[in-house]
Amino acid sequence: MTADRAYDTRCCDAAILARDAVPIIPIRKTGRMWKEDGPAAIARNETLRATRHHGRDFWKRWTGYRTRSRIEAKIHCPKAFGERIAARAPERQATETEVSSAPPS
């Protein structure tokens, strides 16, 4: 599960790990090591070590952190090419595109 730095908390990490998911949350720039008193702290400390050792940009590419933002940007690409799509949801965009490209009856 990916989230932004605002979710870099013990509660969020514990909730994600409780659902058997992997937290992909960048550590805040002022982030410090947590006392390793549970699996959430251990996972976060590993992320902090990797970020410090390899750098923040490499960590983001390695974990796929930027994938979500790229997908969200692609959803709005048809608007950039002149088509006027008013819907925001992908399902509604597909429907709107089909209706607008249908031959007139």
N, C-alpha and C. Protein backbone atom coordinates (compact mmCIF):
# COMPACT_ATOMS: atom_id res chain seq x y z
N MET A 1 0.84 -1.16 0.00
CA MET A 1 0.00 0.00 0.00
C MET A 1 0.89 1.24 0.00
N THR A 2 0.63 2.15 -0.90
CA THR A 2 1.41 3.37 -0.94
C THR A 2 0.63 4.52 -0.31
N ALA A 3 1.38 5.39 0.33
CA ALA A 3 0.79 6.58 0.95
C ALA A 3 1.87 7.65 1.02
N ASP A 4 1.47 8.87 1.29
CA ASP A 4 2.47 9.93 1.37
C ASP A 4 3.01 10.05 2.79
N ARG A 5 3.90 11.00 2.99
CA ARG A 5 4.62 11.13 4.26
C ARG A 5 3.70 11.40 5.46
N ALA A 6 2.52 11.92 5.21
CA ALA A 6 1.61 12.22 6.32
C ALA A 6 1.20 10.95 7.05
N TYR A 7 1.28 9.80 6.40
CA TYR A 7 0.88 8.53 7.00
C TYR A 7 2.05 7.80 7.64
N ASP A 8 3.17 8.48 7.85
CA ASP A 8 4.35 7.88 8.49
C ASP A 8 4.14 7.90 10.01
N THR A 9 3.22 7.07 10.48
CA THR A 9 2.92 6.99 11.91
C THR A 9 2.88 5.52 12.32
N ARG A 10 3.01 5.29 13.61
CA ARG A 10 2.96 3.92 14.12
C ARG A 10 1.60 3.28 13.87
N CYS A 11 0.54 4.04 14.05
CA CYS A 11 -0.81 3.49 13.87
C CYS A 11 -1.03 3.04 12.43
N CYS A 12 -0.62 3.87 11.48
CA CYS A 12 -0.83 3.52 10.07
C CYS A 12 0.00 2.30 9.68
N ASP A 13 1.27 2.27 10.09
CA ASP A 13 2.11 1.13 9.76
C ASP A 13 1.56 -0.16 10.36
N ALA A 14 1.11 -0.09 11.61
CA ALA A 14 0.56 -1.27 12.27
C ALA A 14 -0.72 -1.75 11.58
N ALA A 15 -1.58 -0.81 11.19
CA ALA A 15 -2.83 -1.19 10.51
C ALA A 15 -2.55 -1.83 9.15
N ILE A 16 -1.57 -1.32 8.43
CA ILE A 16 -1.23 -1.89 7.12
C ILE A 16 -0.67 -3.29 7.29
N LEU A 17 0.25 -3.47 8.23
CA LEU A 17 0.84 -4.79 8.45
C LEU A 17 -0.18 -5.79 9.00
N ALA A 18 -1.16 -5.32 9.76
CA ALA A 18 -2.20 -6.20 10.28
C ALA A 18 -3.05 -6.80 9.17
N ARG A 19 -3.11 -6.12 8.04
CA ARG A 19 -3.87 -6.61 6.89
C ARG A 19 -2.99 -7.35 5.89
N ASP A 20 -1.80 -7.75 6.33
CA ASP A 20 -0.83 -8.49 5.51
C ASP A 20 -0.46 -7.75 4.24
N ALA A 21 -0.35 -6.44 4.32
CA ALA A 21 0.09 -5.62 3.20
C ALA A 21 1.46 -5.04 3.51
N VAL A 22 2.12 -4.56 2.49
CA VAL A 22 3.44 -3.96 2.67
C VAL A 22 3.30 -2.45 2.60
N PRO A 23 3.71 -1.74 3.66
CA PRO A 23 3.61 -0.28 3.61
C PRO A 23 4.74 0.32 2.77
N ILE A 24 4.38 1.11 1.79
CA ILE A 24 5.36 1.85 0.99
C ILE A 24 5.10 3.32 1.26
N ILE A 25 5.69 3.77 2.36
CA ILE A 25 5.49 5.14 2.83
C ILE A 25 6.86 5.78 2.99
N PRO A 26 7.14 6.86 2.27
CA PRO A 26 8.44 7.50 2.45
C PRO A 26 8.54 8.09 3.85
N ILE A 27 9.74 8.03 4.39
CA ILE A 27 9.98 8.56 5.73
C ILE A 27 10.10 10.08 5.65
N ARG A 28 9.59 10.75 6.65
CA ARG A 28 9.73 12.21 6.70
C ARG A 28 11.20 12.59 6.74
N LYS A 29 11.52 13.77 6.25
CA LYS A 29 12.92 14.19 6.21
C LYS A 29 13.52 14.30 7.61
N THR A 30 12.68 14.56 8.60
CA THR A 30 13.16 14.65 9.98
C THR A 30 12.96 13.33 10.72
N GLY A 31 12.71 12.25 9.98
CA GLY A 31 12.42 10.95 10.59
C GLY A 31 13.61 10.37 11.33
N ARG A 32 13.34 9.75 12.45
CA ARG A 32 14.35 9.09 13.27
C ARG A 32 13.96 7.61 13.39
N MET A 33 14.92 6.83 13.84
CA MET A 33 14.65 5.40 14.05
C MET A 33 13.64 5.25 15.19
N TRP A 34 12.74 4.28 15.03
CA TRP A 34 11.80 3.96 16.09
C TRP A 34 12.38 2.83 16.95
N LYS A 35 11.97 2.78 18.20
CA LYS A 35 12.36 1.67 19.05
C LYS A 35 11.68 0.43 18.50
N GLU A 36 12.46 -0.61 18.24
CA GLU A 36 11.93 -1.80 17.57
C GLU A 36 11.14 -2.65 18.56
N ASP A 37 9.89 -2.24 18.78
CA ASP A 37 9.03 -2.96 19.71
C ASP A 37 7.90 -3.69 19.02
N GLY A 38 7.95 -3.78 17.70
CA GLY A 38 6.91 -4.48 16.96
C GLY A 38 7.26 -4.55 15.49
N PRO A 39 6.47 -5.29 14.72
CA PRO A 39 6.76 -5.44 13.29
C PRO A 39 6.65 -4.14 12.51
N ALA A 40 5.79 -3.23 12.94
CA ALA A 40 5.65 -1.96 12.23
C ALA A 40 6.93 -1.14 12.36
N ALA A 41 7.51 -1.12 13.54
CA ALA A 41 8.75 -0.37 13.76
C ALA A 41 9.91 -0.99 12.99
N ILE A 42 9.95 -2.31 12.95
CA ILE A 42 11.03 -2.99 12.23
C ILE A 42 10.94 -2.68 10.74
N ALA A 43 9.74 -2.74 10.16
CA ALA A 43 9.57 -2.44 8.73
C ALA A 43 9.91 -0.99 8.42
N ARG A 44 9.50 -0.08 9.28
CA ARG A 44 9.78 1.33 9.05
C ARG A 44 11.27 1.63 9.17
N ASN A 45 11.94 1.01 10.14
CA ASN A 45 13.38 1.22 10.29
C ASN A 45 14.15 0.69 9.08
N GLU A 46 13.69 -0.42 8.50
CA GLU A 46 14.32 -0.93 7.28
C GLU A 46 14.16 0.07 6.14
N THR A 47 12.98 0.67 6.04
CA THR A 47 12.75 1.69 5.02
C THR A 47 13.66 2.89 5.24
N LEU A 48 13.81 3.30 6.47
CA LEU A 48 14.68 4.43 6.79
C LEU A 48 16.13 4.12 6.45
N ARG A 49 16.59 2.91 6.77
CA ARG A 49 17.96 2.52 6.43
C ARG A 49 18.18 2.51 4.92
N ALA A 50 17.23 1.96 4.19
CA ALA A 50 17.36 1.91 2.73
C ALA A 50 17.35 3.32 2.13
N THR A 51 16.51 4.18 2.66
CA THR A 51 16.45 5.55 2.16
C THR A 51 17.75 6.28 2.42
N ARG A 52 18.30 6.10 3.59
CA ARG A 52 19.56 6.77 3.92
C ARG A 52 20.73 6.21 3.12
N HIS A 53 20.73 4.90 2.89
CA HIS A 53 21.86 4.27 2.20
C HIS A 53 21.83 4.53 0.69
N HIS A 54 20.67 4.34 0.08
CA HIS A 54 20.56 4.44 -1.38
C HIS A 54 20.06 5.78 -1.87
N GLY A 55 19.42 6.56 -1.03
CA GLY A 55 18.85 7.83 -1.44
C GLY A 55 17.36 7.72 -1.65
N ARG A 56 16.67 8.82 -1.48
CA ARG A 56 15.21 8.86 -1.57
C ARG A 56 14.71 8.56 -2.98
N ASP A 57 15.34 9.12 -4.00
CA ASP A 57 14.89 8.89 -5.38
C ASP A 57 15.03 7.43 -5.78
N PHE A 58 16.16 6.82 -5.45
CA PHE A 58 16.35 5.41 -5.78
C PHE A 58 15.32 4.54 -5.05
N TRP A 59 15.07 4.85 -3.77
CA TRP A 59 14.09 4.07 -3.00
C TRP A 59 12.70 4.17 -3.64
N LYS A 60 12.32 5.36 -4.10
CA LYS A 60 11.01 5.54 -4.72
C LYS A 60 10.89 4.74 -6.01
N ARG A 61 11.95 4.70 -6.82
CA ARG A 61 11.92 3.91 -8.06
C ARG A 61 11.92 2.43 -7.75
N TRP A 62 12.70 2.01 -6.77
CA TRP A 62 12.85 0.60 -6.41
C TRP A 62 11.55 0.02 -5.86
N THR A 63 10.82 0.79 -5.08
CA THR A 63 9.58 0.30 -4.48
C THR A 63 8.36 0.52 -5.35
N GLY A 64 8.48 1.31 -6.41
CA GLY A 64 7.34 1.61 -7.26
C GLY A 64 6.43 2.66 -6.67
N TYR A 65 6.97 3.51 -5.80
CA TYR A 65 6.16 4.52 -5.12
C TYR A 65 5.49 5.48 -6.09
N ARG A 66 6.15 5.83 -7.17
CA ARG A 66 5.61 6.83 -8.10
C ARG A 66 4.61 6.26 -9.10
N THR A 67 4.40 4.96 -9.09
CA THR A 67 3.49 4.34 -10.05
C THR A 67 2.09 4.90 -9.94
N ARG A 68 1.60 5.08 -8.72
CA ARG A 68 0.24 5.56 -8.52
C ARG A 68 0.05 6.95 -9.13
N SER A 69 1.00 7.85 -8.89
CA SER A 69 0.85 9.21 -9.42
C SER A 69 0.92 9.21 -10.94
N ARG A 70 1.73 8.31 -11.51
CA ARG A 70 1.80 8.23 -12.98
C ARG A 70 0.48 7.72 -13.55
N ILE A 71 -0.14 6.76 -12.89
CA ILE A 71 -1.42 6.23 -13.36
C ILE A 71 -2.49 7.31 -13.27
N GLU A 72 -2.51 8.05 -12.16
CA GLU A 72 -3.49 9.12 -12.01
C GLU A 72 -3.30 10.19 -13.08
N ALA A 73 -2.07 10.46 -13.45
CA ALA A 73 -1.80 11.45 -14.49
C ALA A 73 -2.28 10.93 -15.85
N LYS A 74 -2.12 9.63 -16.10
CA LYS A 74 -2.55 9.06 -17.37
C LYS A 74 -4.06 9.08 -17.53
N ILE A 75 -4.78 8.99 -16.44
CA ILE A 75 -6.25 8.99 -16.51
C ILE A 75 -6.73 10.29 -17.14
N HIS A 76 -6.04 11.38 -16.89
CA HIS A 76 -6.46 12.68 -17.38
C HIS A 76 -5.81 13.06 -18.71
N CYS A 77 -5.06 12.14 -19.33
CA CYS A 77 -4.40 12.43 -20.61
C CYS A 77 -5.36 12.76 -21.75
N PRO A 78 -6.48 12.06 -21.90
CA PRO A 78 -7.36 12.41 -23.02
C PRO A 78 -7.78 13.87 -23.03
N LYS A 79 -7.89 14.48 -21.85
CA LYS A 79 -8.25 15.89 -21.79
C LYS A 79 -7.16 16.76 -22.41
N ALA A 80 -5.92 16.34 -22.30
CA ALA A 80 -4.81 17.13 -22.83
C ALA A 80 -4.80 17.15 -24.35
N PHE A 81 -5.42 16.16 -24.96
CA PHE A 81 -5.41 16.08 -26.42
C PHE A 81 -6.64 16.69 -27.06
N GLY A 82 -7.40 17.45 -26.34
CA GLY A 82 -8.50 18.19 -26.92
C GLY A 82 -9.86 17.57 -26.72
N GLU A 83 -9.94 16.34 -26.31
CA GLU A 83 -11.24 15.75 -26.06
C GLU A 83 -11.81 16.34 -24.78
N ARG A 84 -13.05 16.58 -24.76
CA ARG A 84 -13.68 17.15 -23.58
C ARG A 84 -14.39 16.05 -22.81
N ILE A 85 -13.70 15.47 -21.87
CA ILE A 85 -14.28 14.43 -21.03
C ILE A 85 -14.56 15.05 -19.67
N ALA A 86 -15.81 15.01 -19.26
CA ALA A 86 -16.19 15.64 -18.00
C ALA A 86 -16.07 14.66 -16.83
N ALA A 87 -16.19 13.36 -17.11
CA ALA A 87 -16.17 12.37 -16.04
C ALA A 87 -14.77 12.21 -15.47
N ARG A 88 -14.70 11.85 -14.18
CA ARG A 88 -13.41 11.62 -13.53
C ARG A 88 -13.13 10.14 -13.32
N ALA A 89 -14.17 9.36 -13.10
CA ALA A 89 -13.99 7.93 -12.87
C ALA A 89 -13.65 7.24 -14.19
N PRO A 90 -12.72 6.28 -14.19
CA PRO A 90 -12.33 5.61 -15.43
C PRO A 90 -13.49 4.93 -16.15
N GLU A 91 -14.42 4.33 -15.39
CA GLU A 91 -15.56 3.65 -16.03
C GLU A 91 -16.43 4.66 -16.77
N ARG A 92 -16.68 5.79 -16.14
CA ARG A 92 -17.52 6.82 -16.76
C ARG A 92 -16.80 7.47 -17.93
N GLN A 93 -15.48 7.61 -17.84
CA GLN A 93 -14.72 8.16 -18.97
C GLN A 93 -14.84 7.25 -20.19
N ALA A 94 -14.76 5.94 -19.96
CA ALA A 94 -14.89 4.99 -21.07
C ALA A 94 -16.27 5.10 -21.71
N THR A 95 -17.29 5.18 -20.87
CA THR A 95 -18.66 5.30 -21.38
C THR A 95 -18.83 6.60 -22.16
N GLU A 96 -18.33 7.68 -21.61
CA GLU A 96 -18.45 8.98 -22.27
C GLU A 96 -17.72 9.00 -23.61
N THR A 97 -16.56 8.36 -23.65
CA THR A 97 -15.79 8.28 -24.90
C THR A 97 -16.54 7.47 -25.96
N GLU A 98 -17.14 6.34 -25.53
CA GLU A 98 -17.90 5.51 -26.47
C GLU A 98 -19.11 6.27 -27.01
N VAL A 99 -19.80 6.98 -26.15
CA VAL A 99 -21.00 7.71 -26.58
C VAL A 99 -20.62 8.84 -27.54
N SER A 100 -19.51 9.52 -27.23
CA SER A 100 -19.13 10.65 -28.10
C SER A 100 -18.58 10.20 -29.44
N SER A 101 -18.04 8.97 -29.51
CA SER A 101 -17.51 8.50 -30.79
C SER A 101 -18.50 7.66 -31.59
N ALA A 102 -19.67 7.42 -31.03
CA ALA A 102 -20.70 6.66 -31.74
C ALA A 102 -21.25 7.47 -32.92
N PRO A 103 -21.52 6.79 -34.03
CA PRO A 103 -22.08 7.53 -35.18
C PRO A 103 -23.48 8.04 -34.86
N PRO A 104 -23.82 9.19 -35.38
CA PRO A 104 -25.15 9.73 -35.10
C PRO A 104 -26.25 8.87 -35.70
N SER A 105 -27.37 8.77 -35.00
CA SER A 105 -28.46 7.92 -35.53
C SER A 105 -29.56 8.74 -36.11
